[in-house]
PDB file of N, CA and C in Angstrom:
ATOM      1  N   MET A   1     -62.237 -90.236  22.017  1.00  0.00           N
ATOM      2  CA  MET A   1     -60.950 -90.874  22.910  1.00  0.00           C
ATOM      3  C   MET A   1     -59.714 -90.135  22.784  1.00  0.00           C
ATOM      4  N   LEU A   2     -59.217 -90.119  21.541  1.00  0.00           N
ATOM      5  CA  LEU A   2     -58.035 -89.412  21.272  1.00  0.00           C
ATOM      6  C   LEU A   2     -58.083 -87.998  21.632  1.00  0.00           C
ATOM      7  N   LYS A   3     -59.173 -87.184  21.398  1.00  0.00           N
ATOM      8  CA  LYS A   3     -59.370 -85.900  21.779  1.00  0.00           C
ATOM      9  C   LYS A   3     -59.070 -85.624  23.168  1.00  0.00           C
ATOM     10  N   THR A   4     -59.973 -86.487  23.891  1.00  0.00           N
ATOM     11  CA  THR A   4     -59.808 -86.368  25.345  1.00  0.00           C
ATOM     12  C   THR A   4     -58.543 -86.747  25.924  1.00  0.00           C
ATOM     13  N   SER A   5     -57.647 -87.330  25.322  1.00  0.00           N
ATOM     14  CA  SER A   5     -56.311 -87.795  25.724  1.00  0.00           C
ATOM     15  C   SER A   5     -55.405 -86.545  25.550  1.00  0.00           C
ATOM     16  N   LEU A   6     -55.705 -86.072  24.167  1.00  0.00           N
ATOM     17  CA  LEU A   6     -54.760 -84.848  23.943  1.00  0.00           C
ATOM     18  C   LEU A   6     -55.217 -83.763  25.016  1.00  0.00           C
ATOM     19  N   ILE A   7     -56.278 -83.468  25.231  1.00  0.00           N
ATOM     20  CA  ILE A   7     -56.922 -82.276  26.236  1.00  0.00           C
ATOM     21  C   ILE A   7     -56.098 -82.488  27.553  1.00  0.00           C
ATOM     22  N   THR A   8     -56.169 -83.824  28.025  1.00  0.00           N
ATOM     23  CA  THR A   8     -55.485 -84.154  29.292  1.00  0.00           C
ATOM     24  C   THR A   8     -54.186 -84.033  29.264  1.00  0.00           C
ATOM     25  N   ALA A   9     -53.571 -84.335  28.298  1.00  0.00           N
ATOM     26  CA  ALA A   9     -52.053 -83.979  28.254  1.00  0.00           C
ATOM     27  C   ALA A   9     -51.570 -82.611  28.232  1.00  0.00           C
ATOM     28  N   LEU A  10     -52.476 -81.933  27.442  1.00  0.00           N
ATOM     29  CA  LEU A  10     -52.224 -80.441  27.450  1.00  0.00           C
ATOM     30  C   LEU A  10     -52.515 -79.698  28.677  1.00  0.00           C
ATOM     31  N   LEU A  11     -53.564 -80.084  29.444  1.00  0.00           N
ATOM     32  CA  LEU A  11     -53.733 -79.586  30.814  1.00  0.00           C
ATOM     33  C   LEU A  11     -52.547 -79.978  31.763  1.00  0.00           C
ATOM     34  N   ALA A  12     -52.146 -81.153  31.652  1.00  0.00           N
ATOM     35  CA  ALA A  12     -51.032 -81.622  32.605  1.00  0.00           C
ATOM     36  C   ALA A  12     -49.842 -80.843  32.229  1.00  0.00           C
ATOM     37  N   PHE A  13     -49.579 -80.674  30.982  1.00  0.00           N
ATOM     38  CA  PHE A  13     -48.472 -79.821  30.539  1.00  0.00           C
ATOM     39  C   PHE A  13     -48.542 -78.366  30.976  1.00  0.00           C
ATOM     40  N   SER A  14     -49.538 -77.640  30.884  1.00  0.00           N
ATOM     41  CA  SER A  14     -49.805 -76.340  31.280  1.00  0.00           C
ATOM     42  C   SER A  14     -49.480 -76.363  32.865  1.00  0.00           C
ATOM     43  N   GLY A  15     -50.064 -77.364  33.565  1.00  0.00           N
ATOM     44  CA  GLY A  15     -49.790 -77.355  35.005  1.00  0.00           C
ATOM     45  C   GLY A  15     -48.425 -77.423  35.332  1.00  0.00           C
ATOM     46  N   LEU A  16     -47.586 -78.131  34.559  1.00  0.00           N
ATOM     47  CA  LEU A  16     -46.173 -78.018  34.821  1.00  0.00           C
ATOM     48  C   LEU A  16     -45.421 -76.897  34.516  1.00  0.00           C
ATOM     49  N   VAL A  17     -45.948 -76.140  33.531  1.00  0.00           N
ATOM     50  CA  VAL A  17     -45.248 -74.930  33.291  1.00  0.00           C
ATOM     51  C   VAL A  17     -45.988 -73.850  34.207  1.00  0.00           C
ATOM     52  N   ALA A  18     -46.978 -73.937  34.677  1.00  0.00           N
ATOM     53  CA  ALA A  18     -47.444 -72.990  35.864  1.00  0.00           C
ATOM     54  C   ALA A  18     -46.682 -73.140  37.044  1.00  0.00           C
ATOM     55  N   GLN A  19     -46.383 -74.524  37.295  1.00  0.00           N
ATOM     56  CA  GLN A  19     -45.620 -74.856  38.553  1.00  0.00           C
ATOM     57  C   GLN A  19     -44.106 -74.218  38.346  1.00  0.00           C
ATOM     58  N   ALA A  20     -43.664 -74.381  37.234  1.00  0.00           N
ATOM     59  CA  ALA A  20     -42.273 -74.035  37.049  1.00  0.00           C
ATOM     60  C   ALA A  20     -41.978 -72.463  37.077  1.00  0.00           C
ATOM     61  N   GLN A  21     -43.133 -71.752  36.700  1.00  0.00           N
ATOM     62  CA  GLN A  21     -43.183 -70.162  36.647  1.00  0.00           C
ATOM     63  C   GLN A  21     -43.222 -69.935  38.126  1.00  0.00           C
ATOM     64  N   ALA A  22     -44.021 -70.633  38.936  1.00  0.00           N
ATOM     65  CA  ALA A  22     -44.116 -70.417  40.340  1.00  0.00           C
ATOM     66  C   ALA A  22     -42.980 -70.447  41.007  1.00  0.00           C
ATOM     67  N   GLN A  23     -41.965 -71.346  40.683  1.00  0.00           N
ATOM     68  CA  GLN A  23     -40.811 -71.264  41.340  1.00  0.00           C
ATOM     69  C   GLN A  23     -39.768 -70.336  40.960  1.00  0.00           C
ATOM     70  N   THR A  24     -40.030 -69.406  39.806  1.00  0.00           N
ATOM     71  CA  THR A  24     -39.048 -68.367  39.291  1.00  0.00           C
ATOM     72  C   THR A  24     -39.406 -67.131  40.100  1.00  0.00           C
ATOM     73  N   PRO A  25     -38.587 -66.146  40.562  1.00  0.00           N
ATOM     74  CA  PRO A  25     -38.982 -65.016  41.056  1.00  0.00           C
ATOM     75  C   PRO A  25     -39.219 -63.940  40.249  1.00  0.00           C
ATOM     76  N   ALA A  26     -39.201 -64.097  38.847  1.00  0.00           N
ATOM     77  CA  ALA A  26     -39.662 -63.121  37.975  1.00  0.00           C
ATOM     78  C   ALA A  26     -41.081 -62.913  37.690  1.00  0.00           C
ATOM     79  N   ALA A  27     -41.904 -64.072  37.937  1.00  0.00           N
ATOM     80  CA  ALA A  27     -43.486 -64.034  37.696  1.00  0.00           C
ATOM     81  C   ALA A  27     -44.317 -64.444  39.081  1.00  0.00           C
ATOM     82  N   PRO A  28     -44.198 -63.734  40.177  1.00  0.00           N
ATOM     83  CA  PRO A  28     -44.920 -64.296  41.226  1.00  0.00           C
ATOM     84  C   PRO A  28     -46.500 -64.404  41.292  1.00  0.00           C
ATOM     85  N   ALA A  29     -47.016 -63.500  40.297  1.00  0.00           N
ATOM     86  CA  ALA A  29     -48.246 -63.514  40.326  1.00  0.00           C
ATOM     87  C   ALA A  29     -48.927 -64.434  39.224  1.00  0.00           C
ATOM     88  N   ALA A  30     -47.974 -65.192  38.534  1.00  0.00           N
ATOM     89  CA  ALA A  30     -48.546 -66.066  37.441  1.00  0.00           C
ATOM     90  C   ALA A  30     -49.315 -67.368  37.735  1.00  0.00           C
ATOM     91  N   PRO A  31     -49.165 -67.895  39.037  1.00  0.00           N
ATOM     92  CA  PRO A  31     -49.815 -68.938  39.356  1.00  0.00           C
ATOM     93  C   PRO A  31     -51.287 -68.817  39.593  1.00  0.00           C
ATOM     94  N   ALA A  32     -51.761 -67.574  40.086  1.00  0.00           N
ATOM     95  CA  ALA A  32     -52.898 -67.174  40.469  1.00  0.00           C
ATOM     96  C   ALA A  32     -53.755 -67.016  39.057  1.00  0.00           C
ATOM     97  N   LYS A  33     -53.094 -66.482  38.098  1.00  0.00           N
ATOM     98  CA  LYS A  33     -53.800 -66.330  36.719  1.00  0.00           C
ATOM     99  C   LYS A  33     -53.962 -67.599  36.175  1.00  0.00           C
ATOM    100  N   THR A  34     -53.104 -68.467  36.085  1.00  0.00           N
ATOM    101  CA  THR A  34     -53.319 -69.922  35.436  1.00  0.00           C
ATOM    102  C   THR A  34     -54.089 -70.641  36.152  1.00  0.00           C
ATOM    103  N   SER A  35     -54.236 -70.718  37.413  1.00  0.00           N
ATOM    104  CA  SER A  35     -55.234 -71.682  38.008  1.00  0.00           C
ATOM    105  C   SER A  35     -56.689 -71.200  37.903  1.00  0.00           C
ATOM    106  N   ALA A  36     -56.805 -69.968  37.674  1.00  0.00           N
ATOM    107  CA  ALA A  36     -58.173 -69.341  37.723  1.00  0.00           C
ATOM    108  C   ALA A  36     -58.841 -69.652  36.277  1.00  0.00           C
ATOM    109  N   SER A  37     -57.871 -69.518  35.242  1.00  0.00           N
ATOM    110  CA  SER A  37     -58.449 -69.835  33.821  1.00  0.00           C
ATOM    111  C   SER A  37     -57.991 -71.180  33.393  1.00  0.00           C
ATOM    112  N   ALA A  38     -59.018 -72.060  33.326  1.00  0.00           N
ATOM    113  CA  ALA A  38     -58.526 -73.586  32.929  1.00  0.00           C
ATOM    114  C   ALA A  38     -58.862 -73.653  31.544  1.00  0.00           C
ATOM    115  N   ALA A  39     -59.588 -72.690  30.880  1.00  0.00           N
ATOM    116  CA  ALA A  39     -59.801 -72.714  29.491  1.00  0.00           C
ATOM    117  C   ALA A  39     -58.771 -72.516  28.616  1.00  0.00           C
ATOM    118  N   ALA A  40     -57.888 -71.591  28.941  1.00  0.00           N
ATOM    119  CA  ALA A  40     -56.819 -71.131  28.158  1.00  0.00           C
ATOM    120  C   ALA A  40     -55.372 -71.013  29.026  1.00  0.00           C
ATOM    121  N   PRO A  41     -54.994 -71.997  29.426  1.00  0.00           N
ATOM    122  CA  PRO A  41     -53.658 -72.116  30.343  1.00  0.00           C
ATOM    123  C   PRO A  41     -52.558 -71.825  29.457  1.00  0.00           C
ATOM    124  N   ALA A  42     -52.499 -72.454  28.376  1.00  0.00           N
ATOM    125  CA  ALA A  42     -51.358 -72.265  27.455  1.00  0.00           C
ATOM    126  C   ALA A  42     -51.046 -70.798  27.069  1.00  0.00           C
ATOM    127  N   LYS A  43     -52.107 -70.139  26.864  1.00  0.00           N
ATOM    128  CA  LYS A  43     -52.096 -68.555  26.353  1.00  0.00           C
ATOM    129  C   LYS A  43     -51.633 -67.716  27.652  1.00  0.00           C
ATOM    130  N   THR A  44     -51.986 -68.049  28.703  1.00  0.00           N
ATOM    131  CA  THR A  44     -51.564 -67.108  30.052  1.00  0.00           C
ATOM    132  C   THR A  44     -50.245 -67.612  30.316  1.00  0.00           C
ATOM    133  N   ALA A  45     -49.837 -68.849  30.086  1.00  0.00           N
ATOM    134  CA  ALA A  45     -48.379 -69.273  30.504  1.00  0.00           C
ATOM    135  C   ALA A  45     -47.417 -68.499  29.405  1.00  0.00           C
ATOM    136  N   SER A  46     -47.600 -68.517  28.184  1.00  0.00           N
ATOM    137  CA  SER A  46     -46.691 -67.877  27.325  1.00  0.00           C
ATOM    138  C   SER A  46     -46.699 -66.343  27.286  1.00  0.00           C
ATOM    139  N   ALA A  47     -47.810 -65.777  27.906  1.00  0.00           N
ATOM    140  CA  ALA A  47     -47.893 -64.338  28.072  1.00  0.00           C
ATOM    141  C   ALA A  47     -47.159 -63.912  29.519  1.00  0.00           C
ATOM    142  N   THR A  48     -47.068 -64.815  30.304  1.00  0.00           N
ATOM    143  CA  THR A  48     -46.160 -64.478  31.483  1.00  0.00           C
ATOM    144  C   THR A  48     -44.708 -64.630  31.307  1.00  0.00           C
ATOM    145  N   VAL A  49     -44.325 -65.623  30.438  1.00  0.00           N
ATOM    146  CA  VAL A  49     -42.920 -66.036  30.010  1.00  0.00           C
ATOM    147  C   VAL A  49     -42.359 -64.765  29.176  1.00  0.00           C
ATOM    148  N   ALA A  50     -43.098 -64.432  28.188  1.00  0.00           N
ATOM    149  CA  ALA A  50     -42.584 -63.306  27.386  1.00  0.00           C
ATOM    150  C   ALA A  50     -42.111 -62.058  28.020  1.00  0.00           C
ATOM    151  N   PRO A  51     -42.938 -61.532  29.080  1.00  0.00           N
ATOM    152  CA  PRO A  51     -42.472 -60.326  29.730  1.00  0.00           C
ATOM    153  C   PRO A  51     -41.278 -60.438  30.589  1.00  0.00           C
ATOM    154  N   ALA A  52     -41.224 -61.728  31.074  1.00  0.00           N
ATOM    155  CA  ALA A  52     -39.994 -61.893  31.960  1.00  0.00           C
ATOM    156  C   ALA A  52     -38.884 -61.876  31.121  1.00  0.00           C
ATOM    157  N   ALA A  53     -38.635 -62.394  29.979  1.00  0.00           N
ATOM    158  CA  ALA A  53     -37.754 -62.433  28.910  1.00  0.00           C
ATOM    159  C   ALA A  53     -37.362 -61.249  28.565  1.00  0.00           C
ATOM    160  N   LEU A  54     -38.292 -60.362  28.343  1.00  0.00           N
ATOM    161  CA  LEU A  54     -37.981 -58.963  27.885  1.00  0.00           C
ATOM    162  C   LEU A  54     -37.486 -57.902  28.922  1.00  0.00           C
ATOM    163  N   LYS A  55     -37.797 -58.368  30.198  1.00  0.00           N
ATOM    164  CA  LYS A  55     -37.256 -57.495  31.262  1.00  0.00           C
ATOM    165  C   LYS A  55     -35.836 -57.783  31.535  1.00  0.00           C
ATOM    166  N   VAL A  56     -35.326 -58.974  30.968  1.00  0.00           N
ATOM    167  CA  VAL A  56     -33.950 -59.455  31.173  1.00  0.00           C
ATOM    168  C   VAL A  56     -33.033 -58.677  30.123  1.00  0.00           C
ATOM    169  N   LYS A  57     -33.762 -58.778  28.917  1.00  0.00           N
ATOM    170  CA  LYS A  57     -32.748 -58.257  27.739  1.00  0.00           C
ATOM    171  C   LYS A  57     -32.401 -56.583  27.931  1.00  0.00           C
ATOM    172  N   PRO A  58     -33.212 -55.828  28.092  1.00  0.00           N
ATOM    173  CA  PRO A  58     -32.805 -54.280  28.366  1.00  0.00           C
ATOM    174  C   PRO A  58     -31.972 -54.199  29.452  1.00  0.00           C
ATOM    175  N   ALA A  59     -32.040 -54.756  30.514  1.00  0.00           N
ATOM    176  CA  ALA A  59     -30.993 -54.591  31.618  1.00  0.00           C
ATOM    177  C   ALA A  59     -29.612 -55.164  31.180  1.00  0.00           C
ATOM    178  N   ALA A  60     -29.653 -56.151  30.252  1.00  0.00           N
ATOM    179  CA  ALA A  60     -28.247 -56.765  30.108  1.00  0.00           C
ATOM    180  C   ALA A  60     -27.502 -55.751  29.169  1.00  0.00           C
ATOM    181  N   SER A  61     -28.105 -54.995  28.103  1.00  0.00           N
ATOM    182  CA  SER A  61     -27.536 -54.154  27.327  1.00  0.00           C
ATOM    183  C   SER A  61     -27.665 -52.664  27.740  1.00  0.00           C
ATOM    184  N   ALA A  62     -26.554 -51.928  27.889  1.00  0.00           N
ATOM    185  CA  ALA A  62     -26.608 -50.606  28.429  1.00  0.00           C
ATOM    186  C   ALA A  62     -26.834 -49.615  27.220  1.00  0.00           C
ATOM    187  N   PRO A  63     -27.610 -48.624  27.452  1.00  0.00           N
ATOM    188  CA  PRO A  63     -28.061 -47.787  26.346  1.00  0.00           C
ATOM    189  C   PRO A  63     -26.811 -47.033  25.730  1.00  0.00           C
ATOM    190  N   LYS A  64     -26.744 -47.089  24.466  1.00  0.00           N
ATOM    191  CA  LYS A  64     -25.612 -46.368  23.842  1.00  0.00           C
ATOM    192  C   LYS A  64     -25.843 -44.829  23.525  1.00  0.00           C
ATOM    193  N   ALA A  65     -25.003 -44.104  23.742  1.00  0.00           N
ATOM    194  CA  ALA A  65     -25.120 -42.499  23.475  1.00  0.00           C
ATOM    195  C   ALA A  65     -24.974 -42.425  21.921  1.00  0.00           C
ATOM    196  N   GLU A  66     -25.661 -41.518  21.628  1.00  0.00           N
ATOM    197  CA  GLU A  66     -25.603 -41.189  20.032  1.00  0.00           C
ATOM    198  C   GLU A  66     -24.333 -40.430  19.730  1.00  0.00           C
ATOM    199  N   PRO A  67     -23.616 -40.590  18.696  1.00  0.00           N
ATOM    200  CA  PRO A  67     -22.474 -39.919  18.375  1.00  0.00           C
ATOM    201  C   PRO A  67     -22.807 -38.475  18.012  1.00  0.00           C
ATOM    202  N   GLU A  68     -21.905 -37.436  18.110  1.00  0.00           N
ATOM    203  CA  GLU A  68     -22.017 -36.255  17.747  1.00  0.00           C
ATOM    204  C   GLU A  68     -22.097 -36.099  16.226  1.00  0.00           C
ATOM    205  N   VAL A  69     -21.226 -36.772  15.501  1.00  0.00           N
ATOM    206  CA  VAL A  69     -21.384 -36.607  14.052  1.00  0.00           C
ATOM    207  C   VAL A  69     -21.415 -38.081  13.539  1.00  0.00           C
ATOM    208  N   LYS A  70     -22.185 -38.110  12.461  1.00  0.00           N
ATOM    209  CA  LYS A  70     -22.232 -39.456  11.683  1.00  0.00           C
ATOM    210  C   LYS A  70     -21.808 -39.255  10.213  1.00  0.00           C
ATOM    211  N   LYS A  71     -20.917 -40.118   9.809  1.00  0.00           N
ATOM    212  CA  LYS A  71     -20.435 -39.906   8.355  1.00  0.00           C
ATOM    213  C   LYS A  71     -21.040 -41.246   7.693  1.00  0.00           C
ATOM    214  N   SER A  72     -21.954 -40.881   6.787  1.00  0.00           N
ATOM    215  CA  SER A  72     -22.827 -42.000   6.009  1.00  0.00           C
ATOM    216  C   SER A  72     -21.726 -42.780   5.287  1.00  0.00           C
ATOM    217  N   ASN A  73     -22.347 -43.871   4.696  1.00  0.00           N
ATOM    218  CA  ASN A  73     -21.505 -44.695   3.860  1.00  0.00           C
ATOM    219  C   ASN A  73     -21.287 -43.922   2.320  1.00  0.00           C
ATOM    220  N   ASN A  74     -22.214 -42.931   2.181  1.00  0.00           N
ATOM    221  CA  ASN A  74     -21.965 -42.028   0.865  1.00  0.00           C
ATOM    222  C   ASN A  74     -20.872 -40.799   1.203  1.00  0.00           C
ATOM    223  N   GLY A  75     -20.350 -40.901   2.324  1.00  0.00           N
ATOM    224  CA  GLY A  75     -19.312 -39.893   2.830  1.00  0.00           C
ATOM    225  C   GLY A  75     -19.884 -38.366   3.153  1.00  0.00           C
ATOM    226  N   ILE A  76     -21.084 -38.273   3.559  1.00  0.00           N
ATOM    227  CA  ILE A  76     -21.585 -37.120   4.034  1.00  0.00           C
ATOM    228  C   ILE A  76     -21.808 -37.179   5.357  1.00  0.00           C
ATOM    229  N   CYS A  77     -21.256 -35.960   6.092  1.00  0.00           N
ATOM    230  CA  CYS A  77     -21.036 -35.743   7.615  1.00  0.00           C
ATOM    231  C   CYS A  77     -22.407 -35.135   8.082  1.00  0.00           C
ATOM    232  N   HIS A  78     -22.953 -35.797   8.982  1.00  0.00           N
ATOM    233  CA  HIS A  78     -24.329 -35.147   9.599  1.00  0.00           C
ATOM    234  C   HIS A  78     -24.064 -35.058  11.243  1.00  0.00           C
ATOM    235  N   ASP A  79     -24.145 -33.646  11.627  1.00  0.00           N
ATOM    236  CA  ASP A  79     -24.177 -33.616  12.872  1.00  0.00           C
ATOM    237  C   ASP A  79     -25.604 -33.422  13.463  1.00  0.00           C
ATOM    238  N   LYS A  80     -25.793 -33.357  14.732  1.00  0.00           N
ATOM    239  CA  LYS A  80     -27.125 -33.367  15.316  1.00  0.00           C
ATOM    240  C   LYS A  80     -28.157 -32.537  14.662  1.00  0.00           C
ATOM    241  N   ALA A  81     -27.771 -31.297  14.157  1.00  0.00           N
ATOM    242  CA  ALA A  81     -28.567 -30.479  13.691  1.00  0.00           C
ATOM    243  C   ALA A  81     -29.069 -30.789  12.157  1.00  0.00           C
ATOM    244  N   SER A  82     -28.457 -31.586  11.507  1.00  0.00           N
ATOM    245  CA  SER A  82     -28.522 -31.988  10.293  1.00  0.00           C
ATOM    246  C   SER A  82     -29.933 -32.654  10.136  1.00  0.00           C
ATOM    247  N   LYS A  83     -30.692 -32.557   8.895  1.00  0.00           N
ATOM    248  CA  LYS A  83     -31.857 -33.200   8.706  1.00  0.00           C
ATOM    249  C   LYS A  83     -31.806 -34.775   8.519  1.00  0.00           C
ATOM    250  N   GLY A  84     -30.565 -35.084   7.958  1.00  0.00           N
ATOM    251  CA  GLY A  84     -30.380 -36.526   7.710  1.00  0.00           C
ATOM    252  C   GLY A  84     -29.773 -37.304   8.975  1.00  0.00           C
ATOM    253  N   TYR A  85     -29.648 -36.609  10.174  1.00  0.00           N
ATOM    254  CA  TYR A  85     -28.884 -37.340  11.261  1.00  0.00           C
ATOM    255  C   TYR A  85     -29.722 -38.526  11.801  1.00  0.00           C
ATOM    256  N   LYS A  86     -30.874 -38.472  12.010  1.00  0.00           N
ATOM    257  CA  LYS A  86     -31.724 -39.491  12.545  1.00  0.00           C
ATOM    258  C   LYS A  86     -31.821 -40.525  11.543  1.00  0.00           C
ATOM    259  N   SER A  87     -31.877 -40.240  10.283  1.00  0.00           N
ATOM    260  CA  SER A  87     -32.232 -41.346   9.241  1.00  0.00           C
ATOM    261  C   SER A  87     -30.894 -42.138   8.707  1.00  0.00           C
ATOM    262  N   THR A  88     -29.760 -41.621   9.298  1.00  0.00           N
ATOM    263  CA  THR A  88     -28.340 -42.250   9.025  1.00  0.00           C
ATOM    264  C   THR A  88     -28.326 -43.355   9.864  1.00  0.00           C
ATOM    265  N   LYS A  89     -28.324 -44.661   9.317  1.00  0.00           N
ATOM    266  CA  LYS A  89     -28.209 -45.952  10.032  1.00  0.00           C
ATOM    267  C   LYS A  89     -26.869 -46.381   9.895  1.00  0.00           C
ATOM    268  N   ASN A  90     -26.091 -46.579   8.734  1.00  0.00           N
ATOM    269  CA  ASN A  90     -24.907 -47.124   8.537  1.00  0.00           C
ATOM    270  C   ASN A  90     -23.959 -45.998   8.480  1.00  0.00           C
ATOM    271  N   PHE A  91     -23.158 -45.880   9.686  1.00  0.00           N
ATOM    272  CA  PHE A  91     -22.096 -44.714   9.353  1.00  0.00           C
ATOM    273  C   PHE A  91     -20.863 -44.923  10.217  1.00  0.00           C
ATOM    274  N   THR A  92     -19.938 -44.069  10.267  1.00  0.00           N
ATOM    275  CA  THR A  92     -18.820 -44.100  11.130  1.00  0.00           C
ATOM    276  C   THR A  92     -18.926 -42.834  11.994  1.00  0.00           C
ATOM    277  N   GLU A  93     -18.752 -42.986  13.262  1.00  0.00           N
ATOM    278  CA  GLU A  93     -18.867 -41.884  14.220  1.00  0.00           C
ATOM    279  C   GLU A  93     -17.646 -41.059  14.359  1.00  0.00           C
ATOM    280  N   PHE A  94     -17.825 -39.640  14.616  1.00  0.00           N
ATOM    281  CA  PHE A  94     -16.827 -38.799  14.874  1.00  0.00           C
ATOM    282  C   PHE A  94     -17.180 -37.936  16.030  1.00  0.00           C
ATOM    283  N   LYS A  95     -16.292 -37.325  16.700  1.00  0.00           N
ATOM    284  CA  LYS A  95     -16.564 -36.411  17.796  1.00  0.00           C
ATOM    285  C   LYS A  95     -16.744 -35.005  17.403  1.00  0.00           C
ATOM    286  N   THR A  96     -16.178 -34.577  16.255  1.00  0.00           N
ATOM    287  CA  THR A  96     -16.568 -33.287  15.794  1.00  0.00           C
ATOM    288  C   THR A  96     -16.721 -33.193  14.340  1.00  0.00           C
ATOM    289  N   MET A  97     -17.343 -32.114  13.673  1.00  0.00           N
ATOM    290  CA  MET A  97     -17.589 -32.203  12.385  1.00  0.00           C
ATOM    291  C   MET A  97     -16.323 -31.946  11.512  1.00  0.00           C
ATOM    292  N   ASP A  98     -15.469 -31.291  12.165  1.00  0.00           N
ATOM    293  CA  ASP A  98     -14.026 -30.816  11.543  1.00  0.00           C
ATOM    294  C   ASP A  98     -13.381 -32.204  11.342  1.00  0.00           C
ATOM    295  N   ASP A  99     -13.392 -33.221  12.273  1.00  0.00           N
ATOM    296  CA  ASP A  99     -12.796 -34.512  12.152  1.00  0.00           C
ATOM    297  C   ASP A  99     -13.478 -35.190  11.066  1.00  0.00           C
ATOM    298  N   CYS A 100     -14.731 -35.305  10.941  1.00  0.00           N
ATOM    299  CA  CYS A 100     -15.375 -35.945   9.781  1.00  0.00           C
ATOM    300  C   CYS A 100     -14.999 -35.378   8.422  1.00  0.00           C
ATOM    301  N   LEU A 101     -14.984 -34.082   8.460  1.00  0.00           N
ATOM    302  CA  LEU A 101     -14.411 -33.445   7.195  1.00  0.00           C
ATOM    303  C   LEU A 101     -13.024 -33.757   6.648  1.00  0.00           C
ATOM    304  N   LYS A 102     -12.329 -33.773   7.669  1.00  0.00           N
ATOM    305  CA  LYS A 102     -10.830 -34.198   7.616  1.00  0.00           C
ATOM    306  C   LYS A 102     -10.598 -35.540   7.123  1.00  0.00           C
ATOM    307  N   SER A 103     -11.610 -36.510   7.274  1.00  0.00           N
ATOM    308  CA  SER A 103     -11.429 -37.883   6.953  1.00  0.00           C
ATOM    309  C   SER A 103     -11.972 -38.088   5.614  1.00  0.00           C
ATOM    310  N   GLY A 104     -12.338 -37.042   5.032  1.00  0.00           N
ATOM    311  CA  GLY A 104     -12.716 -37.102   3.485  1.00  0.00           C
ATOM    312  C   GLY A 104     -14.030 -36.986   3.357  1.00  0.00           C
ATOM    313  N   GLY A 105     -14.835 -36.676   4.390  1.00  0.00           N
ATOM    314  CA  GLY A 105     -16.307 -36.470   4.268  1.00  0.00           C
ATOM    315  C   GLY A 105     -16.636 -35.137   3.638  1.00  0.00           C
ATOM    316  N   ARG A 106     -17.941 -34.815   3.343  1.00  0.00           N
ATOM    317  CA  ARG A 106     -18.439 -33.460   3.047  1.00  0.00           C
ATOM    318  C   ARG A 106     -19.734 -33.173   3.754  1.00  0.00           C
ATOM    319  N   ALA A 107     -19.854 -31.803   3.848  1.00  0.00           N
ATOM    320  CA  ALA A 107     -21.000 -31.031   4.671  1.00  0.00           C
ATOM    321  C   ALA A 107     -22.293 -31.781   3.690  1.00  0.00           C
ATOM    322  N   PRO A 108     -23.429 -31.804   4.376  1.00  0.00           N
ATOM    323  CA  PRO A 108     -24.574 -32.003   3.552  1.00  0.00           C
ATOM    324  C   PRO A 108     -25.126 -30.834   2.635  1.00  0.00           C
ATOM    325  N   LYS A 109     -25.601 -31.049   1.570  1.00  0.00           N
ATOM    326  CA  LYS A 109     -26.198 -29.949   0.791  1.00  0.00           C
ATOM    327  C   LYS A 109     -27.591 -29.374   1.616  1.00  0.00           C
ATOM    328  N   LYS A 110     -27.699 -28.004   1.464  1.00  0.00           N
ATOM    329  CA  LYS A 110     -28.758 -27.382   2.068  1.00  0.00           C
ATOM    330  C   LYS A 110     -30.007 -27.196   1.265  1.00  0.00           C
TER     331      LYS A 110
END
């Protein structure tokens, strides 16, 4: 009895989710998928929500250009030709290698 009530409540909830998704312009194909598969409506509902959320986030943040020179926390200046340029994550950016060296940085060892 309790099992039947829980299943009924789950199906009703998934129907509400499918109905709410049908009203949003981000997922026009979602209602057809959720009504065709009654066995796993919660799975398809969450699958259609996640891509819509992912589409919004990249559009909101503009891609940032890589700096010409990175000065690591250890004071090493890496230009784009340096081996350590891509692996340097915590850094201060500079326009030129000369500016980085003048700020107290040093060139990487070869």
